[in-house]
Protein backbone atom coordinates (compact mmCIF):
# COMPACT_ATOMS: atom_id res chain seq x y z
CA MET A 1 95.76 15.89 16.66
CA SER A 2 93.28 13.10 17.56
CA ARG A 3 89.69 13.48 18.67
CA ALA A 4 88.13 11.65 21.59
CA ASP A 5 86.58 9.14 19.18
CA GLY A 6 90.00 8.34 17.70
CA SER A 7 89.45 10.16 14.40
CA GLU A 8 91.92 12.72 13.15
CA ALA A 9 91.03 16.40 13.36
CA ALA A 10 90.38 18.10 10.05
CA SER A 11 93.42 19.67 8.42
CA VAL A 12 91.29 22.26 6.64
CA PRO A 13 92.10 25.73 8.07
CA SER A 14 89.34 27.67 9.77
CA VAL A 15 89.84 30.46 7.23
CA PRO A 16 90.49 29.00 3.76
CA ASP A 17 92.88 30.42 1.19
CA ALA A 18 91.93 33.54 -0.73
CA ASP A 19 90.99 31.62 -3.87
CA VAL A 20 88.38 29.64 -1.91
CA LEU A 21 86.89 32.83 -0.46
CA ASP A 22 86.91 34.51 -3.86
CA GLY A 23 85.10 31.48 -5.27
CA MET A 24 82.40 31.91 -2.64
CA VAL A 25 81.95 35.49 -3.85
CA ASP A 26 81.65 34.34 -7.46
CA ASP A 27 78.99 31.82 -6.48
CA GLU A 28 76.84 34.62 -5.01
CA ALA A 29 77.10 36.90 -8.05
CA PRO A 30 74.18 37.10 -10.50
CA ASP A 31 74.47 35.52 -13.94
CA PRO A 32 75.27 38.47 -16.22
CA ARG A 33 73.23 37.38 -19.24
CA GLU A 34 70.22 36.35 -17.19
CA GLU A 35 70.26 39.64 -15.28
CA LEU A 36 70.53 41.84 -18.35
CA ALA A 37 67.90 39.83 -20.22
CA LYS A 38 65.36 41.23 -17.73
CA THR A 39 66.00 44.82 -18.85
CA GLU A 40 65.03 46.83 -21.90
CA TYR A 41 68.66 47.66 -22.62
CA ARG A 42 71.22 45.86 -24.77
CA THR A 43 72.74 42.79 -23.16
CA ASP A 44 75.80 42.75 -25.42
CA LEU A 45 76.59 46.37 -24.66
CA GLY A 46 76.21 45.82 -20.92
CA LEU A 47 78.49 42.78 -20.96
CA ALA A 48 81.18 44.60 -22.92
CA MET A 49 81.02 47.79 -20.84
CA ALA A 50 81.12 45.82 -17.60
CA GLU A 51 84.15 43.78 -18.60
CA ASP A 52 86.04 46.84 -19.74
CA ALA A 53 85.06 48.72 -16.56
CA LYS A 54 86.81 45.95 -14.64
CA ARG A 55 89.85 46.43 -16.86
CA VAL A 56 89.90 50.12 -15.93
CA ALA A 57 89.92 49.14 -12.24
CA LYS A 58 92.87 46.82 -12.91
CA GLY A 59 94.77 49.55 -14.75
CA GLU A 60 94.63 47.64 -18.03
CA LEU A 61 92.54 50.31 -19.81
CA SER A 62 92.43 54.06 -19.35
CA GLY A 63 89.26 55.94 -18.57
CA ASP A 64 89.78 58.04 -21.69
CA ALA A 65 89.99 54.94 -23.88
CA TYR A 66 86.94 53.45 -22.15
CA TRP A 67 84.58 56.35 -22.85
CA GLU A 68 86.01 56.99 -26.31
CA LYS A 69 85.14 53.37 -27.05
CA TYR A 70 81.59 53.46 -25.64
CA ASP A 71 80.48 57.07 -26.11
CA GLU A 72 78.64 56.55 -29.38
CA ALA A 73 76.97 53.32 -28.30
CA ALA A 74 75.94 54.77 -24.92
CA GLU A 75 74.42 57.84 -26.57
CA ALA A 76 72.49 55.66 -29.01
CA GLU A 77 71.25 53.31 -26.28
CA PHE A 78 70.45 55.76 -23.48
CA GLY A 79 69.68 58.96 -25.39
CA ASP A 80 69.02 62.03 -23.25
CA ASP A 81 69.64 60.04 -20.07
CA TYR A 82 73.25 59.83 -21.21
CA ARG A 83 73.56 63.20 -22.97
CA GLU A 84 72.25 65.28 -20.06
CA THR A 85 74.39 63.87 -17.24
CA PRO A 86 78.05 64.51 -16.44
CA ASN A 87 80.52 61.85 -17.41
CA PRO A 88 80.80 59.59 -14.34
CA ALA A 89 84.58 59.52 -14.24
CA ILE A 90 85.35 63.26 -14.17
CA ASP A 91 86.45 64.64 -10.82
CA ALA A 92 86.57 68.39 -10.27
CA ASP A 93 89.84 68.35 -8.32
CA GLY A 94 91.45 65.54 -10.31
CA ALA A 95 91.99 63.37 -7.25
CA ARG A 96 90.14 60.40 -8.77
CA GLN A 97 90.01 61.61 -12.35
CA THR A 98 89.98 58.76 -14.83
CA VAL A 99 88.85 60.76 -17.86
CA SER A 100 90.66 63.91 -18.96
CA ARG A 101 88.63 67.05 -19.47
CA GLU A 102 89.87 67.18 -23.07
CA THR A 103 88.36 63.76 -23.75
CA ALA A 104 85.17 64.61 -21.88
CA GLU A 105 84.61 67.69 -24.03
CA ASN A 106 84.49 65.44 -27.09
CA LEU A 107 81.96 62.99 -25.64
CA GLY A 108 78.22 62.96 -26.16
CA CYS A 109 77.49 63.45 -22.47
CA SER A 110 77.78 66.71 -20.56
CA VAL A 111 81.11 67.85 -19.20
CA GLY A 112 80.75 67.79 -15.45
CA SER A 113 82.24 66.33 -12.33
CA MET A 114 81.52 63.83 -9.62
CA ALA A 115 81.23 66.79 -7.28
CA SER A 116 78.32 68.16 -9.30
CA VAL A 117 76.56 64.81 -9.10
CA ALA A 118 77.07 64.38 -5.38
CA GLU A 119 76.64 67.95 -4.17
CA SER A 120 72.90 68.01 -3.52
CA MET A 121 72.79 64.59 -1.89
CA ALA A 122 75.82 65.34 0.28
CA SER A 123 74.27 68.53 1.57
CA GLU A 124 71.01 66.76 2.37
CA ALA A 125 72.82 63.94 4.16
CA GLY A 126 75.07 66.34 6.05
CA ALA A 127 72.03 68.21 7.30
CA GLU A 128 70.85 65.04 9.00
CA GLY A 129 73.77 65.00 11.43
CA GLU A 130 73.14 66.69 14.76
CA ALA A 131 75.42 69.54 15.75
CA GLY A 132 78.50 68.23 17.52
CA ASP A 133 77.86 64.63 16.42
CA ALA A 134 78.61 64.84 12.70
CA PRO A 135 82.09 63.76 11.47
CA ALA A 136 84.70 66.39 10.71
CA GLY A 137 84.53 65.88 6.95
CA ASP A 138 87.97 64.44 6.11
CA GLU A 139 87.22 60.80 6.94
CA LYS A 140 87.58 57.77 4.70
CA TRP A 141 85.10 55.26 6.02
CA GLY A 142 86.11 51.63 6.08
CA MET A 143 85.25 48.37 7.75
CA VAL A 144 87.21 45.39 9.06
CA ILE A 145 85.54 41.99 9.51
CA ASP A 146 87.24 39.33 11.63
CA LEU A 147 86.46 35.92 10.12
CA GLN A 148 87.68 34.19 13.27
CA LYS A 149 84.92 35.90 15.26
CA CYS A 150 82.00 35.63 12.82
CA VAL A 151 79.62 32.92 14.04
CA GLY A 152 77.26 33.07 11.06
CA CYS A 153 74.29 34.24 13.13
CA ASP A 154 73.02 36.59 10.36
CA SER A 155 72.23 39.30 12.87
CA CYS A 156 73.98 41.76 10.55
CA THR A 157 71.67 40.76 7.71
CA VAL A 158 68.56 41.25 9.84
CA ALA A 159 69.78 44.53 11.36
CA CYS A 160 70.58 45.90 7.91
CA LYS A 161 67.15 45.04 6.53
CA ALA A 162 65.45 46.57 9.56
CA GLU A 163 67.55 49.74 9.37
CA ASN A 164 67.31 50.33 5.62
CA ARG A 165 63.82 48.85 5.10
CA THR A 166 65.03 46.77 2.17
CA PRO A 167 62.41 44.75 0.25
CA PRO A 168 62.36 41.02 -0.54
CA GLY A 169 65.34 40.02 -2.66
CA VAL A 170 67.44 42.98 -1.53
CA SER A 171 69.95 42.28 1.25
CA TYR A 172 72.88 44.63 1.56
CA ASN A 173 74.57 42.33 4.06
CA VAL A 174 74.72 38.64 3.27
CA VAL A 175 76.73 36.00 5.09
CA MET A 176 78.20 33.50 2.68
CA GLU A 177 78.59 30.02 4.18
CA GLU A 178 80.55 27.01 3.02
CA GLU A 179 81.56 23.71 4.61
CA HIS A 180 85.02 22.25 4.09
CA GLY A 181 86.26 18.74 4.68
CA GLU A 182 84.39 15.47 5.03
CA PHE A 183 82.27 14.26 7.92
CA PRO A 184 83.16 14.04 10.75
CA ASN A 185 86.13 16.34 10.09
CA VAL A 186 84.24 19.37 8.88
CA THR A 187 84.75 23.10 9.30
CA ARG A 188 82.44 25.93 8.29
CA THR A 189 83.50 29.27 6.89
CA ASN A 190 81.25 32.33 7.37
CA VAL A 191 82.07 35.34 5.21
CA PRO A 192 79.92 38.46 5.65
CA ARG A 193 79.80 40.45 2.43
CA PRO A 194 78.58 44.04 2.36
CA CYS A 195 79.44 46.45 -0.45
CA MET A 196 83.21 46.75 -0.58
CA GLN A 197 83.18 50.57 -1.04
CA CYS A 198 86.00 50.20 -3.59
CA GLU A 199 88.64 52.83 -4.23
CA ASN A 200 88.51 51.89 -7.93
CA PRO A 201 84.87 50.89 -8.39
CA PRO A 202 83.91 49.41 -11.78
CA CYS A 203 80.28 50.26 -10.98
CA VAL A 204 81.12 53.97 -11.14
CA GLN A 205 83.01 53.55 -14.39
CA VAL A 206 80.25 51.63 -16.14
CA CYS A 207 77.24 53.76 -15.13
CA PRO A 208 76.08 55.65 -18.25
CA VAL A 209 74.01 58.21 -16.33
CA SER A 210 76.25 59.05 -13.37
CA ALA A 211 73.81 57.50 -10.90
CA THR A 212 76.62 55.68 -9.11
CA TYR A 213 79.40 57.83 -7.75
CA LYS A 214 82.10 57.80 -5.11
CA MET A 215 82.05 60.27 -2.22
CA ASP A 216 85.20 61.89 -0.84
CA ASN A 217 84.61 59.89 2.37
CA GLY A 218 85.16 56.61 0.50
CA VAL A 219 81.51 55.53 0.31
CA VAL A 220 80.11 54.56 -3.09
CA ASN A 221 76.55 55.83 -3.42
CA VAL A 222 73.59 55.48 -5.76
CA ASP A 223 71.47 58.49 -6.71
CA TYR A 224 68.01 56.96 -7.09
CA ASP A 225 66.77 60.03 -8.97
CA ARG A 226 69.33 59.42 -11.70
CA CYS A 227 69.31 55.62 -11.84
CA ILE A 228 67.47 54.20 -14.87
CA GLY A 229 67.72 50.56 -13.80
CA CYS A 230 69.92 49.35 -16.66
CA ARG A 231 71.75 47.02 -14.21
CA TYR A 232 75.08 47.35 -15.99
CA CYS A 233 76.62 48.15 -12.60
CA MET A 234 75.28 44.90 -11.16
CA ILE A 235 77.34 42.79 -13.51
CA ALA A 236 80.36 45.12 -13.36
CA CYS A 237 80.59 44.63 -9.59
CA PRO A 238 83.09 41.80 -8.92
CA TYR A 239 81.43 41.11 -5.55
CA GLY A 240 77.77 40.67 -6.50
CA ALA A 241 76.89 43.37 -3.96
CA ARG A 242 74.15 45.13 -5.95
CA TYR A 243 70.46 44.34 -6.22
CA PHE A 244 67.51 45.48 -8.30
CA ASP A 245 64.39 46.74 -6.56
CA PHE A 246 61.35 45.19 -8.25
CA GLY A 247 58.88 46.95 -5.98
CA ASP A 248 58.06 43.94 -3.81
CA ASN A 249 57.27 44.32 -0.12
CA TYR A 250 56.52 42.22 2.95
CA ASP A 251 52.80 43.00 3.16
CA ASP A 252 51.98 39.29 3.20
CA GLU A 253 54.04 38.92 6.38
CA VAL A 254 53.65 42.37 7.94
CA ILE A 255 50.57 44.47 7.25
CA GLY A 256 51.54 47.93 6.07
CA SER A 257 55.18 47.12 5.40
CA GLY A 258 54.93 48.84 2.02
CA GLU A 259 54.02 52.10 3.74
CA VAL A 260 57.27 52.32 5.72
CA THR A 261 59.74 54.97 4.57
CA SER A 262 63.46 54.38 3.96
CA PRO A 263 66.14 56.61 5.58
CA GLU A 264 68.98 55.81 3.16
CA TYR A 265 71.49 58.54 2.34
CA GLY A 266 69.74 60.85 4.80
CA VAL A 267 66.77 61.22 2.45
CA ASP A 268 63.50 59.93 3.83
CA ARG A 269 61.99 58.14 0.83
CA GLY A 270 58.22 57.82 0.68
CA PRO A 271 56.13 54.65 1.04
CA ARG A 272 56.98 51.85 -1.38
CA GLU A 273 53.35 51.46 -2.32
CA ASP A 274 53.55 54.65 -4.41
CA GLY A 275 55.89 52.83 -6.83
CA LYS A 276 58.49 55.61 -6.90
CA SER A 277 62.25 55.26 -6.46
CA PRO A 278 64.06 53.29 -5.20
CA VAL A 279 61.56 50.96 -6.89
CA GLY A 280 63.04 50.25 -10.33
CA ASN A 281 66.53 51.23 -9.19
CA VAL A 282 69.68 49.33 -8.32
CA ARG A 283 70.41 49.35 -4.59
CA LYS A 284 73.43 48.57 -2.42
CA CYS A 285 74.96 48.99 1.01
CA SER A 286 75.97 52.59 1.76
CA MET A 287 77.67 51.67 5.06
CA CYS A 288 74.64 53.32 6.70
CA MET A 289 75.85 56.76 5.65
CA HIS A 290 72.83 58.36 7.33
CA ARG A 291 74.01 56.84 10.63
CA LEU A 292 77.64 57.80 10.07
CA ASN A 293 76.54 61.40 9.56
CA ARG A 294 74.91 61.26 12.99
CA GLY A 295 78.09 59.95 14.60
CA GLU A 296 76.69 56.41 14.88
CA GLU A 297 78.03 53.03 13.75
CA PRO A 298 76.49 51.16 10.83
CA ALA A 299 73.62 48.95 11.98
CA CYS A 300 75.51 45.74 11.16
CA VAL A 301 78.45 46.79 13.33
CA GLU A 302 76.28 47.84 16.24
CA THR A 303 74.37 44.55 16.30
CA CYS A 304 77.22 42.06 15.69
CA VAL A 305 76.99 39.61 18.60
CA GLY A 306 80.50 38.24 18.02
CA ASP A 307 82.11 41.68 17.80
CA ALA A 308 83.42 40.61 14.40
CA ARG A 309 82.91 43.99 12.72
CA ASN A 310 84.67 47.30 13.16
CA ALA A 311 83.94 50.48 11.22
CA GLY A 312 85.71 53.79 11.35
CA ASP A 313 88.08 56.26 9.71
CA LEU A 314 90.85 54.65 7.68
CA ASN A 315 92.52 58.05 7.39
CA ASP A 316 93.08 58.13 11.14
CA PRO A 317 96.18 56.00 11.85
CA GLU A 318 95.20 55.76 15.52
CA SER A 319 91.70 54.45 14.89
CA GLU A 320 91.01 50.81 15.66
CA VAL A 321 89.77 50.09 12.16
CA SER A 322 92.93 51.58 10.64
CA GLU A 323 95.20 49.53 12.89
CA LEU A 324 93.30 46.33 12.10
CA ALA A 325 93.40 47.04 8.36
CA GLU A 326 97.19 47.39 8.57
CA SER A 327 97.72 44.20 10.61
CA ASN A 328 99.40 41.11 9.15
CA ARG A 329 96.07 39.25 9.39
CA SER A 330 94.39 41.70 7.02
CA PHE A 331 93.44 40.99 3.42
CA GLN A 332 90.90 42.07 0.79
CA LEU A 333 88.54 39.93 -1.24
CA LYS A 334 89.41 39.48 -4.92
CA GLU A 335 92.56 41.58 -4.68
CA SER A 336 93.47 40.74 -8.29
CA GLU A 337 90.51 42.83 -9.50
CA GLY A 338 92.38 46.03 -8.64
CA THR A 339 89.34 47.52 -6.92
CA ASP A 340 91.20 48.18 -3.63
CA PRO A 341 88.18 47.76 -1.30
CA ASN A 342 87.76 49.78 1.88
CA VAL A 343 86.36 46.64 3.51
CA TYR A 344 89.10 44.43 4.93
CA TYR A 345 89.00 40.93 6.43
CA LEU A 346 91.10 39.34 9.13
CA LYS A 347 92.30 35.75 8.68
């Protein structure tokens, strides 16, 4: 097809192949060695645990074998922080169990379950929902992002920061951008990238203190009161969707920004100026769980000017998000990782 100036239109598709999109994700991810060099914990141990956590997600290594391999090293490195928390891969009902109870009883950490880790936070978050507005309780939250509709306006990024009061350097929603072709035949690809809320999350597998866990509703959460900031989960995440909170704020731009509280997970965290968590913790998108519990959409979905985002219950076959996720345009980022994200994209 020819343009008005006589040149040929670019043959590059508006949505590139999966390997190009996956490469964009890799470009956004932190350098593992550089990231771990900033912590007080062993870089070599973090690298090894992260790589093997990815193998667990792919089905190449069992959860039993993983923790049998790293139990002694984790206990030596993390001490009581490891010994006094439940193993992160035990599930009370066995639905997502990746470590057998027999193996867990022989490990240096406590024998527990994901339910015991999540119970207090779930009850607090559930209390935030108003009567009649809160979800029924059997949902699996997911999101579908239409790459044909995304205009790269970054309104999702801004809305997310405003909603979750994230500090400098922490952006749960980024829009990756890349140009393809040569001038004047150029196309631009915009790929929004929140947390993927994986069904098989390596970040849960690698966490030595059970700070990262997966809820029954499909959302992967971080318990700031447990997190020790080792950042092993940051390099285990194949999507680069995790960030460390250094305690910075926007006081230079907005007076008093450090005094604003954060509503994440339905827990109203105190002012950042007091230096308490989530300062010193790893942070990530929770799909605005505090809004979901009130019967509202995530902030990024509500504000999307191109109507490129849909969020809802993947367990409901009649929901719009479920129908879109099952369409022939649907795909997941980095499908070869075996993480099975609950965030889908449309070509």
